C-alpha cells in the first residue's frame, strides 16, 4: 500500500515538474526578449531589426540536440501573436511599447 502511494506521489510530482518548470523558464524569457529589443533600439518601425540581428533565430535541429533549450525564440513568438512585437512589411521586428504597456505583461 505504501509503495503504491509513493508511486502515485512520484507521478504527480513528475507531472507537475513537466508542466510548471517550462512555464517558469518561459516567464523568465519574456523580460530577456524585451531587453534585447531595447538594447538594439528596435522600439519603432524605423529602427526595426531582423531576427538574426537580434539573435533570436530558433535553433537548428542539431543545435537543439547539443545545447540547453533556449526559450527566447518561443517567447518571441508569443509576443508576436500578442502584437507586442510587430513585423514590418520587409519582415523586420520591433517592440511596440504602447501595446506592451496595455498588455498587462509584467515589465522588469
N, C-alpha and C. Protein backbone atom coordinates (compact mmCIF):
# COMPACT_ATOMS: atom_id res chain seq x y z
N UNK A 1 0.82 -1.20 0.00
CA UNK A 1 0.00 0.00 0.00
C UNK A 1 0.87 1.27 0.00
N UNK A 2 1.90 1.27 0.84
CA UNK A 2 2.79 2.43 0.90
C UNK A 2 3.54 2.63 -0.41
N UNK A 3 3.90 1.51 -1.06
CA UNK A 3 4.61 1.61 -2.34
C UNK A 3 3.73 2.24 -3.40
N UNK A 4 2.46 1.91 -3.41
CA UNK A 4 1.53 2.47 -4.40
C UNK A 4 1.36 3.97 -4.17
N UNK A 5 1.21 4.38 -2.92
CA UNK A 5 1.07 5.81 -2.61
C UNK A 5 2.33 6.57 -3.00
N UNK A 6 3.48 5.98 -2.74
CA UNK A 6 4.74 6.62 -3.11
C UNK A 6 4.85 6.75 -4.63
N UNK A 7 4.47 5.71 -5.36
CA UNK A 7 4.50 5.76 -6.82
C UNK A 7 3.55 6.82 -7.36
N UNK A 8 2.36 6.89 -6.81
CA UNK A 8 1.38 7.91 -7.23
C UNK A 8 1.92 9.31 -6.94
N UNK A 9 2.50 9.50 -5.78
CA UNK A 9 3.08 10.80 -5.42
C UNK A 9 4.20 11.18 -6.37
N UNK A 10 5.05 10.21 -6.72
CA UNK A 10 6.15 10.49 -7.65
C UNK A 10 5.63 10.86 -9.03
N UNK A 11 4.57 10.21 -9.49
CA UNK A 11 3.98 10.52 -10.79
C UNK A 11 3.38 11.92 -10.77
N UNK A 12 2.68 12.26 -9.71
CA UNK A 12 2.06 13.59 -9.60
C UNK A 12 3.14 14.67 -9.56
N UNK A 13 4.18 14.46 -8.79
CA UNK A 13 5.27 15.43 -8.72
C UNK A 13 5.97 15.54 -10.08
N UNK A 14 6.18 14.41 -10.74
CA UNK A 14 6.80 14.43 -12.07
C UNK A 14 5.98 15.20 -13.08
N UNK A 15 4.66 15.01 -13.07
CA UNK A 15 3.79 15.75 -13.98
C UNK A 15 3.80 17.25 -13.67
N UNK A 16 3.82 17.57 -12.40
CA UNK A 16 3.86 18.99 -12.01
C UNK A 16 5.16 19.63 -12.51
N UNK A 17 6.26 18.90 -12.41
CA UNK A 17 7.54 19.42 -12.89
C UNK A 17 7.49 19.62 -14.41
N UNK A 18 6.93 18.65 -15.12
CA UNK A 18 6.84 18.76 -16.58
C UNK A 18 5.96 19.91 -17.03
N UNK A 19 5.00 20.30 -16.23
CA UNK A 19 4.10 21.39 -16.59
C UNK A 19 4.64 22.74 -16.15
N UNK A 20 5.10 22.84 -14.92
CA UNK A 20 5.42 24.16 -14.36
C UNK A 20 6.85 24.63 -14.61
N UNK A 21 7.80 23.76 -14.72
CA UNK A 21 9.18 24.19 -14.94
C UNK A 21 9.33 24.87 -16.31
N UNK A 22 8.83 24.28 -17.42
CA UNK A 22 8.93 25.01 -18.70
C UNK A 22 8.21 26.36 -18.68
N UNK A 23 7.08 26.41 -18.00
CA UNK A 23 6.35 27.68 -17.90
C UNK A 23 7.18 28.72 -17.15
N UNK A 24 7.87 28.30 -16.12
CA UNK A 24 8.71 29.20 -15.34
C UNK A 24 9.85 29.73 -16.21
N UNK A 25 10.48 28.83 -16.99
CA UNK A 25 11.55 29.27 -17.89
C UNK A 25 11.01 30.24 -18.94
N UNK A 26 9.81 29.99 -19.43
CA UNK A 26 9.20 30.87 -20.43
C UNK A 26 8.96 32.26 -19.83
N UNK A 27 8.46 32.31 -18.62
CA UNK A 27 8.20 33.60 -17.97
C UNK A 27 9.50 34.36 -17.74
N UNK A 28 10.59 33.65 -17.52
CA UNK A 28 11.89 34.30 -17.37
C UNK A 28 12.44 34.79 -18.71
N UNK A 29 11.99 34.19 -19.81
CA UNK A 29 12.49 34.57 -21.14
C UNK A 29 11.86 35.87 -21.63
N UNK A 30 10.62 36.17 -21.23
CA UNK A 30 9.95 37.39 -21.71
C UNK A 30 10.76 38.65 -21.42
N UNK A 31 11.18 38.90 -20.19
CA UNK A 31 11.96 40.12 -19.94
C UNK A 31 13.27 40.15 -20.71
N UNK A 32 13.88 38.99 -20.93
CA UNK A 32 15.13 38.95 -21.69
C UNK A 32 14.90 39.37 -23.13
N UNK A 33 13.80 38.91 -23.73
CA UNK A 33 13.49 39.28 -25.11
C UNK A 33 13.20 40.78 -25.19
N UNK A 34 12.44 41.30 -24.25
CA UNK A 34 12.15 42.73 -24.23
C UNK A 34 13.44 43.54 -24.08
N UNK A 35 14.34 43.06 -23.25
CA UNK A 35 15.62 43.75 -23.05
C UNK A 35 16.44 43.76 -24.34
N UNK A 36 16.41 42.66 -25.08
CA UNK A 36 17.16 42.59 -26.35
C UNK A 36 16.63 43.65 -27.32
N UNK A 37 15.31 43.79 -27.42
CA UNK A 37 14.74 44.80 -28.31
C UNK A 37 15.17 46.20 -27.88
N UNK A 38 15.18 46.44 -26.59
CA UNK A 38 15.57 47.77 -26.11
C UNK A 38 17.06 48.02 -26.31
N UNK A 39 17.90 47.01 -26.11
CA UNK A 39 19.35 47.17 -26.31
C UNK A 39 19.67 47.51 -27.76
N UNK A 40 18.93 46.91 -28.70
CA UNK A 40 19.16 47.18 -30.11
C UNK A 40 18.33 48.36 -30.61
N UNK A 41 17.64 49.02 -29.70
CA UNK A 41 16.81 50.18 -30.02
C UNK A 41 15.75 49.86 -31.08
N UNK A 42 15.28 48.64 -31.08
CA UNK A 42 14.24 48.21 -32.03
C UNK A 42 12.88 48.45 -31.40
N UNK A 43 12.59 49.73 -31.14
CA UNK A 43 11.36 50.07 -30.44
C UNK A 43 10.40 50.87 -31.31
N UNK A 44 10.72 50.96 -32.58
CA UNK A 44 9.78 51.58 -33.53
C UNK A 44 10.06 51.02 -34.91
N UNK A 45 9.18 51.29 -35.83
CA UNK A 45 9.29 50.71 -37.16
C UNK A 45 10.56 51.16 -37.89
N UNK A 46 10.98 52.37 -37.64
CA UNK A 46 12.18 52.91 -38.30
C UNK A 46 13.44 52.16 -37.87
N UNK A 47 13.50 51.71 -36.62
CA UNK A 47 14.68 51.02 -36.09
C UNK A 47 14.51 49.51 -36.01
N UNK A 48 13.54 48.96 -36.71
CA UNK A 48 13.26 47.53 -36.65
C UNK A 48 14.48 46.72 -37.08
N UNK A 49 14.62 45.53 -36.52
CA UNK A 49 15.75 44.65 -36.81
C UNK A 49 15.24 43.27 -37.23
N UNK A 50 16.09 42.53 -37.91
CA UNK A 50 15.74 41.17 -38.28
C UNK A 50 15.93 40.24 -37.09
N UNK A 51 15.38 39.05 -37.20
CA UNK A 51 15.53 38.05 -36.14
C UNK A 51 17.01 37.73 -35.93
N UNK A 52 17.75 37.65 -37.03
CA UNK A 52 19.18 37.35 -36.92
C UNK A 52 19.95 38.47 -36.24
N UNK A 53 19.62 39.72 -36.56
CA UNK A 53 20.29 40.86 -35.92
C UNK A 53 20.03 40.87 -34.42
N UNK A 54 18.86 40.44 -34.01
CA UNK A 54 18.50 40.40 -32.60
C UNK A 54 19.03 39.15 -31.90
N UNK A 55 19.48 38.18 -32.67
CA UNK A 55 19.97 36.93 -32.08
C UNK A 55 18.87 36.05 -31.54
N UNK A 56 17.70 36.13 -32.14
CA UNK A 56 16.55 35.37 -31.65
C UNK A 56 16.09 34.29 -32.62
N UNK A 57 16.93 33.91 -33.55
CA UNK A 57 16.58 32.85 -34.50
C UNK A 57 16.44 31.53 -33.75
N UNK A 58 15.38 30.77 -34.03
CA UNK A 58 15.24 29.46 -33.39
C UNK A 58 16.42 28.56 -33.76
N UNK A 59 16.84 27.72 -32.84
CA UNK A 59 18.00 26.87 -33.11
C UNK A 59 17.67 25.80 -34.16
N UNK A 60 18.69 25.36 -34.86
CA UNK A 60 18.53 24.28 -35.82
C UNK A 60 18.35 22.97 -35.06
N UNK A 61 18.03 21.93 -35.80
CA UNK A 61 17.84 20.62 -35.18
C UNK A 61 19.10 20.16 -34.44
N UNK A 62 20.23 20.33 -35.07
CA UNK A 62 21.50 19.91 -34.45
C UNK A 62 21.79 20.74 -33.20
N UNK A 63 21.53 22.04 -33.27
CA UNK A 63 21.75 22.89 -32.10
C UNK A 63 20.84 22.49 -30.95
N UNK A 64 19.61 22.11 -31.26
CA UNK A 64 18.69 21.67 -30.20
C UNK A 64 19.17 20.39 -29.53
N UNK A 65 19.86 19.55 -30.28
CA UNK A 65 20.38 18.31 -29.70
C UNK A 65 21.59 18.53 -28.82
N UNK A 66 22.35 19.58 -29.11
CA UNK A 66 23.64 19.75 -28.43
C UNK A 66 23.65 20.85 -27.37
N UNK A 67 22.62 21.68 -27.31
CA UNK A 67 22.62 22.79 -26.36
C UNK A 67 21.43 22.71 -25.43
N UNK A 68 21.52 23.45 -24.34
CA UNK A 68 20.41 23.59 -23.42
C UNK A 68 19.31 24.40 -24.12
N UNK A 69 18.08 24.08 -23.85
CA UNK A 69 16.96 24.73 -24.52
C UNK A 69 16.93 26.22 -24.22
N UNK A 70 16.73 27.01 -25.28
CA UNK A 70 16.61 28.45 -25.17
C UNK A 70 15.15 28.82 -25.40
N UNK A 71 14.53 29.43 -24.43
CA UNK A 71 13.11 29.76 -24.51
C UNK A 71 12.84 31.12 -25.15
N UNK A 72 13.88 31.88 -25.47
CA UNK A 72 13.66 33.21 -26.04
C UNK A 72 12.96 33.19 -27.40
N UNK A 73 13.30 32.29 -28.34
CA UNK A 73 12.55 32.28 -29.61
C UNK A 73 11.07 31.95 -29.41
N UNK A 74 10.78 31.07 -28.47
CA UNK A 74 9.39 30.74 -28.18
C UNK A 74 8.67 31.93 -27.54
N UNK A 75 9.36 32.64 -26.65
CA UNK A 75 8.78 33.83 -26.03
C UNK A 75 8.53 34.90 -27.10
N UNK A 76 9.45 35.03 -28.06
CA UNK A 76 9.28 35.98 -29.16
C UNK A 76 8.01 35.66 -29.94
N UNK A 77 7.77 34.40 -30.24
CA UNK A 77 6.55 34.02 -30.97
C UNK A 77 5.29 34.39 -30.21
N UNK A 78 5.31 34.21 -28.92
CA UNK A 78 4.14 34.57 -28.10
C UNK A 78 3.94 36.09 -28.12
N UNK A 79 5.04 36.84 -28.01
CA UNK A 79 4.94 38.30 -28.05
C UNK A 79 4.46 38.79 -29.41
N UNK A 80 4.83 38.09 -30.47
CA UNK A 80 4.37 38.45 -31.81
C UNK A 80 2.87 38.18 -31.95
N UNK A 81 2.41 37.06 -31.44
CA UNK A 81 0.98 36.74 -31.51
C UNK A 81 0.15 37.73 -30.71
N UNK A 82 0.74 38.28 -29.65
CA UNK A 82 0.03 39.26 -28.82
C UNK A 82 0.18 40.68 -29.38
N UNK A 83 0.84 40.84 -30.53
CA UNK A 83 1.08 42.13 -31.17
C UNK A 83 1.95 43.07 -30.34
N UNK A 84 2.66 42.54 -29.39
CA UNK A 84 3.59 43.35 -28.61
C UNK A 84 4.86 43.56 -29.44
N UNK A 85 5.26 42.52 -30.13
CA UNK A 85 6.33 42.63 -31.12
C UNK A 85 5.65 42.64 -32.48
N UNK A 86 5.94 43.65 -33.27
CA UNK A 86 5.27 43.80 -34.56
C UNK A 86 6.27 43.59 -35.69
N UNK A 87 5.74 43.22 -36.84
CA UNK A 87 6.55 42.91 -38.01
C UNK A 87 6.31 43.96 -39.09
N UNK A 88 7.39 44.48 -39.66
CA UNK A 88 7.27 45.44 -40.76
C UNK A 88 6.99 44.69 -42.06
N UNK A 89 6.74 45.44 -43.12
CA UNK A 89 6.47 44.83 -44.41
C UNK A 89 7.64 44.03 -44.94
N UNK A 90 8.87 44.44 -44.58
CA UNK A 90 10.04 43.70 -45.05
C UNK A 90 10.50 42.63 -44.06
N UNK A 91 9.68 42.30 -43.08
CA UNK A 91 9.96 41.19 -42.17
C UNK A 91 10.80 41.51 -40.96
N UNK A 92 11.06 42.79 -40.72
CA UNK A 92 11.84 43.17 -39.54
C UNK A 92 10.90 43.30 -38.34
N UNK A 93 11.48 43.20 -37.15
CA UNK A 93 10.70 43.20 -35.91
C UNK A 93 11.01 44.43 -35.07
N UNK A 94 9.98 44.88 -34.37
CA UNK A 94 10.20 45.96 -33.40
C UNK A 94 9.21 45.81 -32.25
N UNK A 95 9.59 46.36 -31.12
CA UNK A 95 8.79 46.29 -29.91
C UNK A 95 7.84 47.47 -29.87
N UNK A 96 6.56 47.19 -29.69
CA UNK A 96 5.57 48.24 -29.53
C UNK A 96 5.38 48.50 -28.03
N UNK A 97 6.00 49.56 -27.55
CA UNK A 97 5.91 49.89 -26.12
C UNK A 97 4.46 50.18 -25.70
N UNK A 98 3.68 50.78 -26.60
CA UNK A 98 2.28 51.06 -26.29
C UNK A 98 1.49 49.78 -26.05
N UNK A 99 1.67 48.80 -26.93
CA UNK A 99 0.98 47.52 -26.78
C UNK A 99 1.46 46.78 -25.53
N UNK A 100 2.76 46.91 -25.26
CA UNK A 100 3.31 46.27 -24.07
C UNK A 100 2.69 46.87 -22.81
N UNK A 101 2.58 48.19 -22.77
CA UNK A 101 2.03 48.85 -21.60
C UNK A 101 0.57 48.47 -21.37
N UNK A 102 -0.18 48.27 -22.44
CA UNK A 102 -1.59 47.93 -22.29
C UNK A 102 -1.83 46.43 -22.18
N UNK A 103 -0.78 45.63 -22.31
CA UNK A 103 -0.95 44.17 -22.30
C UNK A 103 -1.11 43.59 -20.90
N UNK A 104 -0.57 44.27 -19.91
CA UNK A 104 -0.61 43.73 -18.56
C UNK A 104 0.56 42.80 -18.29
N UNK A 105 1.44 42.60 -19.27
CA UNK A 105 2.62 41.79 -19.05
C UNK A 105 3.54 42.53 -18.10
N UNK A 106 3.95 41.84 -17.09
CA UNK A 106 4.81 42.47 -16.08
C UNK A 106 6.16 42.81 -16.67
N UNK A 107 6.57 44.05 -16.51
CA UNK A 107 7.84 44.51 -17.07
C UNK A 107 8.91 44.53 -15.99
N UNK A 108 10.14 44.21 -16.41
CA UNK A 108 11.27 44.29 -15.47
C UNK A 108 12.31 45.19 -16.03
